[in-house]
Amino acid sequence: MSKEKSSIGFGIGLLAGVVGGIIAGVLYAPRPGSEMREKLKDTVCDLAEKHSPAVNEAKRQALESIDLLKYKLEKQYKKFGNMLKSKKMRKAKELEDISDDYDF
């Protein structure tokens, strides 16, 4: 599980670094705005094509982790609900036994 967490963390860090680099490049570029927008568009399109499989894989892994966590939480919720029902049934049985001792 820690390997999955580190992979997701690495992917997020990589994406943040790429976005930060692009933004810094645009802000400090000595070219006119229209030229920079065209270059930025080309760069983003190239990055999207180049890293699309990695992004899709990271997204798939994240969704699998979320589904697993959801399954585990639902399982624990059901277990907790069953435990509460069991305690209520036990308490009802005790009360029934006590009331059987006292015939009114």
PDB file of N, CA and C in Angstrom:
ATOM      1  N   MET A   1       0.836  -1.191   0.000  1.00  0.00           N
ATOM      2  CA  MET A   1       0.000   0.000   0.000  1.00  0.00           C
ATOM      3  C   MET A   1       0.873   1.244   0.000  1.00  0.00           C
ATOM      4  N   SER A   2       2.013   1.237   0.702  1.00  0.00           N
ATOM      5  CA  SER A   2       2.864   2.407   0.741  1.00  0.00           C
ATOM      6  C   SER A   2       3.483   2.676  -0.625  1.00  0.00           C
ATOM      7  N   LYS A   3       3.702   1.607  -1.423  1.00  0.00           N
ATOM      8  CA  LYS A   3       4.236   1.797  -2.764  1.00  0.00           C
ATOM      9  C   LYS A   3       3.217   2.527  -3.628  1.00  0.00           C
ATOM     10  N   GLU A   4       1.927   2.185  -3.468  1.00  0.00           N
ATOM     11  CA  GLU A   4       0.873   2.872  -4.210  1.00  0.00           C
ATOM     12  C   GLU A   4       0.819   4.336  -3.804  1.00  0.00           C
ATOM     13  N   LYS A   5       0.919   4.606  -2.500  1.00  0.00           N
ATOM     14  CA  LYS A   5       0.876   5.983  -2.021  1.00  0.00           C
ATOM     15  C   LYS A   5       2.046   6.774  -2.574  1.00  0.00           C
ATOM     16  N   SER A   6       3.238   6.180  -2.576  1.00  0.00           N
ATOM     17  CA  SER A   6       4.402   6.898  -3.076  1.00  0.00           C
ATOM     18  C   SER A   6       4.295   7.116  -4.580  1.00  0.00           C
ATOM     19  N   SER A   7       3.702   6.179  -5.307  1.00  0.00           N
ATOM     20  CA  SER A   7       3.513   6.348  -6.751  1.00  0.00           C
ATOM     21  C   SER A   7       2.544   7.482  -7.039  1.00  0.00           C
ATOM     22  N   ILE A   8       1.465   7.527  -6.279  1.00  0.00           N
ATOM     23  CA  ILE A   8       0.492   8.600  -6.463  1.00  0.00           C
ATOM     24  C   ILE A   8       1.112   9.938  -6.083  1.00  0.00           C
ATOM     25  N   GLY A   9       1.860   9.959  -4.981  1.00  0.00           N
ATOM     26  CA  GLY A   9       2.530  11.187  -4.555  1.00  0.00           C
ATOM     27  C   GLY A   9       3.534  11.661  -5.583  1.00  0.00           C
ATOM     28  N   PHE A  10       4.278  10.723  -6.149  1.00  0.00           N
ATOM     29  CA  PHE A  10       5.250  11.078  -7.182  1.00  0.00           C
ATOM     30  C   PHE A  10       4.541  11.656  -8.402  1.00  0.00           C
ATOM     31  N   GLY A  11       3.440  11.028  -8.807  1.00  0.00           N
ATOM     32  CA  GLY A  11       2.689  11.514  -9.967  1.00  0.00           C
ATOM     33  C   GLY A  11       2.147  12.919  -9.751  1.00  0.00           C
ATOM     34  N   ILE A  12       1.632  13.168  -8.566  1.00  0.00           N
ATOM     35  CA  ILE A  12       1.106  14.496  -8.252  1.00  0.00           C
ATOM     36  C   ILE A  12       2.242  15.518  -8.237  1.00  0.00           C
ATOM     37  N   GLY A  13       3.374  15.135  -7.644  1.00  0.00           N
ATOM     38  CA  GLY A  13       4.527  16.030  -7.614  1.00  0.00           C
ATOM     39  C   GLY A  13       5.050  16.329  -9.007  1.00  0.00           C
ATOM     40  N   LEU A  14       5.093  15.303  -9.837  1.00  0.00           N
ATOM     41  CA  LEU A  14       5.551  15.480 -11.214  1.00  0.00           C
ATOM     42  C   LEU A  14       4.624  16.429 -11.961  1.00  0.00           C
ATOM     43  N   LEU A  15       3.336  16.225 -11.822  1.00  0.00           N
ATOM     44  CA  LEU A  15       2.364  17.089 -12.488  1.00  0.00           C
ATOM     45  C   LEU A  15       2.477  18.527 -11.990  1.00  0.00           C
ATOM     46  N   ALA A  16       2.626  18.711 -10.684  1.00  0.00           N
ATOM     47  CA  ALA A  16       2.769  20.060 -10.124  1.00  0.00           C
ATOM     48  C   ALA A  16       4.039  20.728 -10.646  1.00  0.00           C
ATOM     49  N   GLY A  17       5.111  19.965 -10.748  1.00  0.00           N
ATOM     50  CA  GLY A  17       6.369  20.510 -11.267  1.00  0.00           C
ATOM     51  C   GLY A  17       6.249  20.942 -12.718  1.00  0.00           C
ATOM     52  N   VAL A  18       5.584  20.133 -13.516  1.00  0.00           N
ATOM     53  CA  VAL A  18       5.402  20.464 -14.940  1.00  0.00           C
ATOM     54  C   VAL A  18       4.571  21.728 -15.073  1.00  0.00           C
ATOM     55  N   VAL A  19       3.456  21.789 -14.333  1.00  0.00           N
ATOM     56  CA  VAL A  19       2.586  22.964 -14.409  1.00  0.00           C
ATOM     57  C   VAL A  19       3.323  24.205 -13.919  1.00  0.00           C
ATOM     58  N   GLY A  20       4.046  24.079 -12.817  1.00  0.00           N
ATOM     59  CA  GLY A  20       4.815  25.210 -12.290  1.00  0.00           C
ATOM     60  C   GLY A  20       5.874  25.680 -13.275  1.00  0.00           C
ATOM     61  N   GLY A  21       6.542  24.752 -13.921  1.00  0.00           N
ATOM     62  CA  GLY A  21       7.555  25.114 -14.914  1.00  0.00           C
ATOM     63  C   GLY A  21       6.962  25.841 -16.104  1.00  0.00           C
ATOM     64  N   ILE A  22       5.826  25.376 -16.551  1.00  0.00           N
ATOM     65  CA  ILE A  22       5.159  26.039 -17.682  1.00  0.00           C
ATOM     66  C   ILE A  22       4.748  27.459 -17.302  1.00  0.00           C
ATOM     67  N   ILE A  23       4.182  27.602 -16.125  1.00  0.00           N
ATOM     68  CA  ILE A  23       3.750  28.931 -15.684  1.00  0.00           C
ATOM     69  C   ILE A  23       4.948  29.865 -15.537  1.00  0.00           C
ATOM     70  N   ALA A  24       6.021  29.381 -14.925  1.00  0.00           N
ATOM     71  CA  ALA A  24       7.221  30.206 -14.767  1.00  0.00           C
ATOM     72  C   ALA A  24       7.795  30.582 -16.134  1.00  0.00           C
ATOM     73  N   GLY A  25       7.793  29.661 -17.053  1.00  0.00           N
ATOM     74  CA  GLY A  25       8.297  29.949 -18.393  1.00  0.00           C
ATOM     75  C   GLY A  25       7.490  31.014 -19.089  1.00  0.00           C
ATOM     76  N   VAL A  26       6.186  30.972 -18.933  1.00  0.00           N
ATOM     77  CA  VAL A  26       5.331  31.977 -19.568  1.00  0.00           C
ATOM     78  C   VAL A  26       5.543  33.348 -18.923  1.00  0.00           C
ATOM     79  N   LEU A  27       5.659  33.366 -17.598  1.00  0.00           N
ATOM     80  CA  LEU A  27       5.808  34.645 -16.901  1.00  0.00           C
ATOM     81  C   LEU A  27       7.131  35.345 -17.202  1.00  0.00           C
ATOM     82  N   TYR A  28       8.200  34.591 -17.373  1.00  0.00           N
ATOM     83  CA  TYR A  28       9.520  35.188 -17.578  1.00  0.00           C
ATOM     84  C   TYR A  28       9.989  35.164 -19.030  1.00  0.00           C
ATOM     85  N   ALA A  29       9.122  34.871 -19.945  1.00  0.00           N
ATOM     86  CA  ALA A  29       9.508  34.779 -21.358  1.00  0.00           C
ATOM     87  C   ALA A  29       9.660  36.175 -21.976  1.00  0.00           C
ATOM     88  N   PRO A  30      10.713  36.372 -22.792  1.00  0.00           N
ATOM     89  CA  PRO A  30      10.934  37.688 -23.428  1.00  0.00           C
ATOM     90  C   PRO A  30      10.246  37.807 -24.795  1.00  0.00           C
ATOM     91  N   ARG A  31       9.201  37.050 -25.042  1.00  0.00           N
ATOM     92  CA  ARG A  31       8.517  37.081 -26.334  1.00  0.00           C
ATOM     93  C   ARG A  31       7.148  37.729 -26.190  1.00  0.00           C
ATOM     94  N   PRO A  32       6.545  38.147 -27.316  1.00  0.00           N
ATOM     95  CA  PRO A  32       5.186  38.721 -27.261  1.00  0.00           C
ATOM     96  C   PRO A  32       4.154  37.678 -26.821  1.00  0.00           C
ATOM     97  N   GLY A  33       3.040  38.143 -26.296  1.00  0.00           N
ATOM     98  CA  GLY A  33       2.005  37.269 -25.755  1.00  0.00           C
ATOM     99  C   GLY A  33       1.439  36.281 -26.749  1.00  0.00           C
ATOM    100  N   SER A  34       1.144  36.722 -27.963  1.00  0.00           N
ATOM    101  CA  SER A  34       0.549  35.810 -28.950  1.00  0.00           C
ATOM    102  C   SER A  34       1.511  34.684 -29.309  1.00  0.00           C
ATOM    103  N   GLU A  35       2.783  35.014 -29.417  1.00  0.00           N
ATOM    104  CA  GLU A  35       3.790  33.999 -29.735  1.00  0.00           C
ATOM    105  C   GLU A  35       3.934  33.004 -28.575  1.00  0.00           C
ATOM    106  N   MET A  36       3.904  33.525 -27.356  1.00  0.00           N
ATOM    107  CA  MET A  36       4.031  32.651 -26.179  1.00  0.00           C
ATOM    108  C   MET A  36       2.807  31.761 -26.023  1.00  0.00           C
ATOM    109  N   ARG A  37       1.633  32.301 -26.305  1.00  0.00           N
ATOM    110  CA  ARG A  37       0.417  31.474 -26.210  1.00  0.00           C
ATOM    111  C   ARG A  37       0.457  30.323 -27.200  1.00  0.00           C
ATOM    112  N   GLU A  38       0.931  30.591 -28.398  1.00  0.00           N
ATOM    113  CA  GLU A  38       1.048  29.538 -29.412  1.00  0.00           C
ATOM    114  C   GLU A  38       2.060  28.481 -28.980  1.00  0.00           C
ATOM    115  N   LYS A  39       3.190  28.946 -28.454  1.00  0.00           N
ATOM    116  CA  LYS A  39       4.218  28.011 -27.991  1.00  0.00           C
ATOM    117  C   LYS A  39       3.702  27.195 -26.795  1.00  0.00           C
ATOM    118  N   LEU A  40       2.998  27.861 -25.892  1.00  0.00           N
ATOM    119  CA  LEU A  40       2.433  27.177 -24.723  1.00  0.00           C
ATOM    120  C   LEU A  40       1.419  26.124 -25.160  1.00  0.00           C
ATOM    121  N   LYS A  41       0.584  26.469 -26.119  1.00  0.00           N
ATOM    122  CA  LYS A  41      -0.415  25.532 -26.639  1.00  0.00           C
ATOM    123  C   LYS A  41       0.261  24.307 -27.232  1.00  0.00           C
ATOM    124  N   ASP A  42       1.309  24.528 -28.032  1.00  0.00           N
ATOM    125  CA  ASP A  42       2.045  23.407 -28.624  1.00  0.00           C
ATOM    126  C   ASP A  42       2.695  22.539 -27.555  1.00  0.00           C
ATOM    127  N   THR A  43       3.273  23.175 -26.547  1.00  0.00           N
ATOM    128  CA  THR A  43       3.940  22.439 -25.469  1.00  0.00           C
ATOM    129  C   THR A  43       2.944  21.590 -24.686  1.00  0.00           C
ATOM    130  N   VAL A  44       1.799  22.177 -24.370  1.00  0.00           N
ATOM    131  CA  VAL A  44       0.780  21.448 -23.606  1.00  0.00           C
ATOM    132  C   VAL A  44       0.250  20.268 -24.420  1.00  0.00           C
ATOM    133  N   CYS A  45       0.023  20.492 -25.706  1.00  0.00           N
ATOM    134  CA  CYS A  45      -0.463  19.401 -26.563  1.00  0.00           C
ATOM    135  C   CYS A  45       0.570  18.278 -26.654  1.00  0.00           C
ATOM    136  N   ASP A  46       1.848  18.648 -26.792  1.00  0.00           N
ATOM    137  CA  ASP A  46       2.917  17.640 -26.841  1.00  0.00           C
ATOM    138  C   ASP A  46       2.990  16.863 -25.532  1.00  0.00           C
ATOM    139  N   LEU A  47       2.913  17.581 -24.409  1.00  0.00           N
ATOM    140  CA  LEU A  47       2.961  16.915 -23.098  1.00  0.00           C
ATOM    141  C   LEU A  47       1.771  15.982 -22.915  1.00  0.00           C
ATOM    142  N   ALA A  48       0.602  16.437 -23.335  1.00  0.00           N
ATOM    143  CA  ALA A  48      -0.603  15.610 -23.195  1.00  0.00           C
ATOM    144  C   ALA A  48      -0.469  14.322 -24.000  1.00  0.00           C
ATOM    145  N   GLU A  49       0.052  14.437 -25.226  1.00  0.00           N
ATOM    146  CA  GLU A  49       0.240  13.239 -26.052  1.00  0.00           C
ATOM    147  C   GLU A  49       1.298  12.318 -25.458  1.00  0.00           C
ATOM    148  N   LYS A  50       2.379  12.917 -25.005  1.00  0.00           N
ATOM    149  CA  LYS A  50       3.520  12.142 -24.512  1.00  0.00           C
ATOM    150  C   LYS A  50       3.216  11.438 -23.187  1.00  0.00           C
ATOM    151  N   HIS A  51       2.504  12.120 -22.292  1.00  0.00           N
ATOM    152  CA  HIS A  51       2.294  11.589 -20.936  1.00  0.00           C
ATOM    153  C   HIS A  51       0.879  11.090 -20.699  1.00  0.00           C
ATOM    154  N   SER A  52       0.078  11.029 -21.726  1.00  0.00           N
ATOM    155  CA  SER A  52      -1.297  10.577 -21.568  1.00  0.00           C
ATOM    156  C   SER A  52      -1.398   9.181 -20.955  1.00  0.00           C
ATOM    157  N   PRO A  53      -0.605   8.199 -21.418  1.00  0.00           N
ATOM    158  CA  PRO A  53      -0.710   6.869 -20.791  1.00  0.00           C
ATOM    159  C   PRO A  53      -0.353   6.887 -19.302  1.00  0.00           C
ATOM    160  N   ALA A  54       0.655   7.668 -18.933  1.00  0.00           N
ATOM    161  CA  ALA A  54       1.054   7.731 -17.521  1.00  0.00           C
ATOM    162  C   ALA A  54      -0.034   8.395 -16.687  1.00  0.00           C
ATOM    163  N   VAL A  55      -0.624   9.444 -17.212  1.00  0.00           N
ATOM    164  CA  VAL A  55      -1.699  10.125 -16.493  1.00  0.00           C
ATOM    165  C   VAL A  55      -2.908   9.208 -16.362  1.00  0.00           C
ATOM    166  N   ASN A  56      -3.240   8.517 -17.429  1.00  0.00           N
ATOM    167  CA  ASN A  56      -4.376   7.588 -17.373  1.00  0.00           C
ATOM    168  C   ASN A  56      -4.118   6.459 -16.378  1.00  0.00           C
ATOM    169  N   GLU A  57      -2.887   5.964 -16.334  1.00  0.00           N
ATOM    170  CA  GLU A  57      -2.538   4.903 -15.381  1.00  0.00           C
ATOM    171  C   GLU A  57      -2.631   5.412 -13.946  1.00  0.00           C
ATOM    172  N   ALA A  58      -2.131   6.621 -13.697  1.00  0.00           N
ATOM    173  CA  ALA A  58      -2.216   7.203 -12.356  1.00  0.00           C
ATOM    174  C   ALA A  58      -3.675   7.406 -11.958  1.00  0.00           C
ATOM    175  N   LYS A  59      -4.486   7.852 -12.909  1.00  0.00           N
ATOM    176  CA  LYS A  59      -5.914   8.042 -12.641  1.00  0.00           C
ATOM    177  C   LYS A  59      -6.576   6.702 -12.329  1.00  0.00           C
ATOM    178  N   ARG A  60      -6.231   5.663 -13.095  1.00  0.00           N
ATOM    179  CA  ARG A  60      -6.802   4.333 -12.874  1.00  0.00           C
ATOM    180  C   ARG A  60      -6.429   3.826 -11.487  1.00  0.00           C
ATOM    181  N   GLN A  61      -5.144   3.994 -11.118  1.00  0.00           N
ATOM    182  CA  GLN A  61      -4.691   3.536  -9.806  1.00  0.00           C
ATOM    183  C   GLN A  61      -5.394   4.298  -8.686  1.00  0.00           C
ATOM    184  N   ALA A  62      -5.565   5.598  -8.867  1.00  0.00           N
ATOM    185  CA  ALA A  62      -6.246   6.396  -7.852  1.00  0.00           C
ATOM    186  C   ALA A  62      -7.694   5.942  -7.694  1.00  0.00           C
ATOM    187  N   LEU A  63      -8.363   5.693  -8.812  1.00  0.00           N
ATOM    188  CA  LEU A  63      -9.755   5.240  -8.741  1.00  0.00           C
ATOM    189  C   LEU A  63      -9.864   3.858  -8.107  1.00  0.00           C
ATOM    190  N   GLU A  64      -8.905   2.976  -8.392  1.00  0.00           N
ATOM    191  CA  GLU A  64      -8.896   1.654  -7.758  1.00  0.00           C
ATOM    192  C   GLU A  64      -8.704   1.782  -6.254  1.00  0.00           C
ATOM    193  N   SER A  65      -7.802   2.662  -5.841  1.00  0.00           N
ATOM    194  CA  SER A  65      -7.566   2.869  -4.412  1.00  0.00           C
ATOM    195  C   SER A  65      -8.810   3.415  -3.731  1.00  0.00           C
ATOM    196  N   ILE A  66      -9.496   4.330  -4.398  1.00  0.00           N
ATOM    197  CA  ILE A  66     -10.725   4.894  -3.846  1.00  0.00           C
ATOM    198  C   ILE A  66     -11.800   3.811  -3.734  1.00  0.00           C
ATOM    199  N   ASP A  67     -11.925   2.986  -4.761  1.00  0.00           N
ATOM    200  CA  ASP A  67     -12.912   1.900  -4.718  1.00  0.00           C
ATOM    201  C   ASP A  67     -12.605   0.914  -3.593  1.00  0.00           C
ATOM    202  N   LEU A  68     -11.326   0.585  -3.412  1.00  0.00           N
ATOM    203  CA  LEU A  68     -10.933  -0.329  -2.344  1.00  0.00           C
ATOM    204  C   LEU A  68     -11.243   0.279  -0.979  1.00  0.00           C
ATOM    205  N   LEU A  69     -10.924   1.543  -0.814  1.00  0.00           N
ATOM    206  CA  LEU A  69     -11.205   2.221   0.447  1.00  0.00           C
ATOM    207  C   LEU A  69     -12.711   2.262   0.712  1.00  0.00           C
ATOM    208  N   LYS A  70     -13.485   2.548  -0.328  1.00  0.00           N
ATOM    209  CA  LYS A  70     -14.945   2.585  -0.199  1.00  0.00           C
ATOM    210  C   LYS A  70     -15.479   1.219   0.224  1.00  0.00           C
ATOM    211  N   TYR A  71     -14.951   0.157  -0.406  1.00  0.00           N
ATOM    212  CA  TYR A  71     -15.367  -1.204  -0.056  1.00  0.00           C
ATOM    213  C   TYR A  71     -15.047  -1.506   1.410  1.00  0.00           C
ATOM    214  N   LYS A  72     -13.835  -1.158   1.834  1.00  0.00           N
ATOM    215  CA  LYS A  72     -13.437  -1.429   3.216  1.00  0.00           C
ATOM    216  C   LYS A  72     -14.289  -0.646   4.205  1.00  0.00           C
ATOM    217  N   LEU A  73     -14.590   0.609   3.879  1.00  0.00           N
ATOM    218  CA  LEU A  73     -15.427   1.412   4.772  1.00  0.00           C
ATOM    219  C   LEU A  73     -16.842   0.850   4.867  1.00  0.00           C
ATOM    220  N   GLU A  74     -17.397   0.440   3.728  1.00  0.00           N
ATOM    221  CA  GLU A  74     -18.734  -0.158   3.746  1.00  0.00           C
ATOM    222  C   GLU A  74     -18.743  -1.444   4.561  1.00  0.00           C
ATOM    223  N   LYS A  75     -17.696  -2.246   4.426  1.00  0.00           N
ATOM    224  CA  LYS A  75     -17.592  -3.494   5.174  1.00  0.00           C
ATOM    225  C   LYS A  75     -17.534  -3.204   6.677  1.00  0.00           C
ATOM    226  N   GLN A  76     -16.733  -2.215   7.075  1.00  0.00           N
ATOM    227  CA  GLN A  76     -16.631  -1.857   8.491  1.00  0.00           C
ATOM    228  C   GLN A  76     -17.959  -1.291   9.006  1.00  0.00           C
ATOM    229  N   TYR A  77     -18.638  -0.510   8.168  1.00  0.00           N
ATOM    230  CA  TYR A  77     -19.928   0.054   8.556  1.00  0.00           C
ATOM    231  C   TYR A  77     -20.940  -1.054   8.811  1.00  0.00           C
ATOM    232  N   LYS A  78     -20.973  -2.044   7.931  1.00  0.00           N
ATOM    233  CA  LYS A  78     -21.892  -3.176   8.113  1.00  0.00           C
ATOM    234  C   LYS A  78     -21.536  -3.963   9.364  1.00  0.00           C
ATOM    235  N   LYS A  79     -20.233  -4.171   9.583  1.00  0.00           N
ATOM    236  CA  LYS A  79     -19.788  -4.904  10.767  1.00  0.00           C
ATOM    237  C   LYS A  79     -20.203  -4.162  12.034  1.00  0.00           C
ATOM    238  N   PHE A  80     -20.040  -2.846  12.024  1.00  0.00           N
ATOM    239  CA  PHE A  80     -20.425  -2.032  13.168  1.00  0.00           C
ATOM    240  C   PHE A  80     -21.937  -2.087  13.381  1.00  0.00           C
ATOM    241  N   GLY A  81     -22.708  -2.009  12.291  1.00  0.00           N
ATOM    242  CA  GLY A  81     -24.166  -2.108  12.391  1.00  0.00           C
ATOM    243  C   GLY A  81     -24.599  -3.437  12.968  1.00  0.00           C
ATOM    244  N   ASN A  82     -23.961  -4.519  12.516  1.00  0.00           N
ATOM    245  CA  ASN A  82     -24.280  -5.847  13.037  1.00  0.00           C
ATOM    246  C   ASN A  82     -23.937  -5.949  14.517  1.00  0.00           C
ATOM    247  N   MET A  83     -22.832  -5.334  14.902  1.00  0.00           N
ATOM    248  CA  MET A  83     -22.433  -5.356  16.309  1.00  0.00           C
ATOM    249  C   MET A  83     -23.476  -4.626  17.157  1.00  0.00           C
ATOM    250  N   LEU A  84     -23.953  -3.493  16.680  1.00  0.00           N
ATOM    251  CA  LEU A  84     -24.978  -2.758  17.423  1.00  0.00           C
ATOM    252  C   LEU A  84     -26.266  -3.562  17.529  1.00  0.00           C
ATOM    253  N   LYS A  85     -26.670  -4.191  16.427  1.00  0.00           N
ATOM    254  CA  LYS A  85     -27.872  -5.021  16.453  1.00  0.00           C
ATOM    255  C   LYS A  85     -27.711  -6.160  17.450  1.00  0.00           C
ATOM    256  N   SER A  86     -26.534  -6.767  17.463  1.00  0.00           N
ATOM    257  CA  SER A  86     -26.272  -7.871  18.371  1.00  0.00           C
ATOM    258  C   SER A  86     -26.379  -7.413  19.829  1.00  0.00           C
ATOM    259  N   LYS A  87     -25.813  -6.241  20.127  1.00  0.00           N
ATOM    260  CA  LYS A  87     -25.896  -5.722  21.492  1.00  0.00           C
ATOM    261  C   LYS A  87     -27.340  -5.405  21.871  1.00  0.00           C
ATOM    262  N   LYS A  88     -28.102  -4.846  20.922  1.00  0.00           N
ATOM    263  CA  LYS A  88     -29.505  -4.546  21.194  1.00  0.00           C
ATOM    264  C   LYS A  88     -30.288  -5.830  21.442  1.00  0.00           C
ATOM    265  N   MET A  89     -30.000  -6.865  20.652  1.00  0.00           N
ATOM    266  CA  MET A  89     -30.695  -8.139  20.821  1.00  0.00           C
ATOM    267  C   MET A  89     -30.337  -8.750  22.177  1.00  0.00           C
ATOM    268  N   ARG A  90     -29.059  -8.668  22.541  1.00  0.00           N
ATOM    269  CA  ARG A  90     -28.630  -9.197  23.825  1.00  0.00           C
ATOM    270  C   ARG A  90     -29.326  -8.464  24.973  1.00  0.00           C
ATOM    271  N   LYS A  91     -29.414  -7.132  24.855  1.00  0.00           N
ATOM    272  CA  LYS A  91     -30.063  -6.332  25.891  1.00  0.00           C
ATOM    273  C   LYS A  91     -31.552  -6.668  25.963  1.00  0.00           C
ATOM    274  N   ALA A  92     -32.188  -6.827  24.805  1.00  0.00           N
ATOM    275  CA  ALA A  92     -33.608  -7.188  24.784  1.00  0.00           C
ATOM    276  C   ALA A  92     -33.808  -8.552  25.433  1.00  0.00           C
ATOM    277  N   LYS A  93     -32.923  -9.485  25.167  1.00  0.00           N
ATOM    278  CA  LYS A  93     -33.000 -10.826  25.766  1.00  0.00           C
ATOM    279  C   LYS A  93     -32.854 -10.733  27.279  1.00  0.00           C
ATOM    280  N   GLU A  94     -31.926  -9.907  27.755  1.00  0.00           N
ATOM    281  CA  GLU A  94     -31.742  -9.734  29.193  1.00  0.00           C
ATOM    282  C   GLU A  94     -33.012  -9.161  29.834  1.00  0.00           C
ATOM    283  N   LEU A  95     -33.573  -8.150  29.166  1.00  0.00           N
ATOM    284  CA  LEU A  95     -34.791  -7.551  29.700  1.00  0.00           C
ATOM    285  C   LEU A  95     -35.941  -8.554  29.715  1.00  0.00           C
ATOM    286  N   GLU A  96     -35.990  -9.378  28.682  1.00  0.00           N
ATOM    287  CA  GLU A  96     -37.032 -10.404  28.614  1.00  0.00           C
ATOM    288  C   GLU A  96     -36.838 -11.415  29.743  1.00  0.00           C
ATOM    289  N   ASP A  97     -35.600 -11.819  29.994  1.00  0.00           N
ATOM    290  CA  ASP A  97     -35.322 -12.760  31.074  1.00  0.00           C
ATOM    291  C   ASP A  97     -35.690 -12.162  32.425  1.00  0.00           C
ATOM    292  N   ILE A  98     -35.376 -10.896  32.601  1.00  0.00           N
ATOM    293  CA  ILE A  98     -35.710 -10.219  33.860  1.00  0.00           C
ATOM    294  C   ILE A  98     -37.220 -10.141  34.040  1.00  0.00           C
ATOM    295  N   SER A  99     -37.929  -9.796  32.962  1.00  0.00           N
ATOM    296  CA  SER A  99     -39.396  -9.673  33.077  1.00  0.00           C
ATOM    297  C   SER A  99     -40.034 -11.052  33.289  1.00  0.00           C
ATOM    298  N   ASP A 100     -39.396 -12.122  32.822  1.00  0.00           N
ATOM    299  CA  ASP A 100     -39.933 -13.472  33.067  1.00  0.00           C
ATOM    300  C   ASP A 100     -39.805 -13.836  34.552  1.00  0.00           C
ATOM    301  N   ASP A 101     -38.797 -13.287  35.205  1.00  0.00           N
ATOM    302  CA  ASP A 101     -38.608 -13.554  36.624  1.00  0.00           C
ATOM    303  C   ASP A 101     -39.716 -12.929  37.470  1.00  0.00           C
ATOM    304  N   TYR A 102     -40.261 -11.843  36.976  1.00  0.00           N
ATOM    305  CA  TYR A 102     -41.321 -11.150  37.693  1.00  0.00           C
ATOM    306  C   TYR A 102     -42.640 -11.312  36.951  1.00  0.00           C
ATOM    307  N   ASP A 103     -43.472 -12.179  37.415  1.00  0.00           N
ATOM    308  CA  ASP A 103     -44.784 -12.360  36.816  1.00  0.00           C
ATOM    309  C   ASP A 103     -45.750 -11.364  37.461  1.00  0.00           C
ATOM    310  N   PHE A 104     -46.338 -10.549  36.669  1.00  0.00           N
ATOM    311  CA  PHE A 104     -47.267  -9.549  37.189  1.00  0.00           C
ATOM    312  C   PHE A 104     -48.673 -10.029  37.055  1.00  0.00           C
TER     313      PHE A 104
END
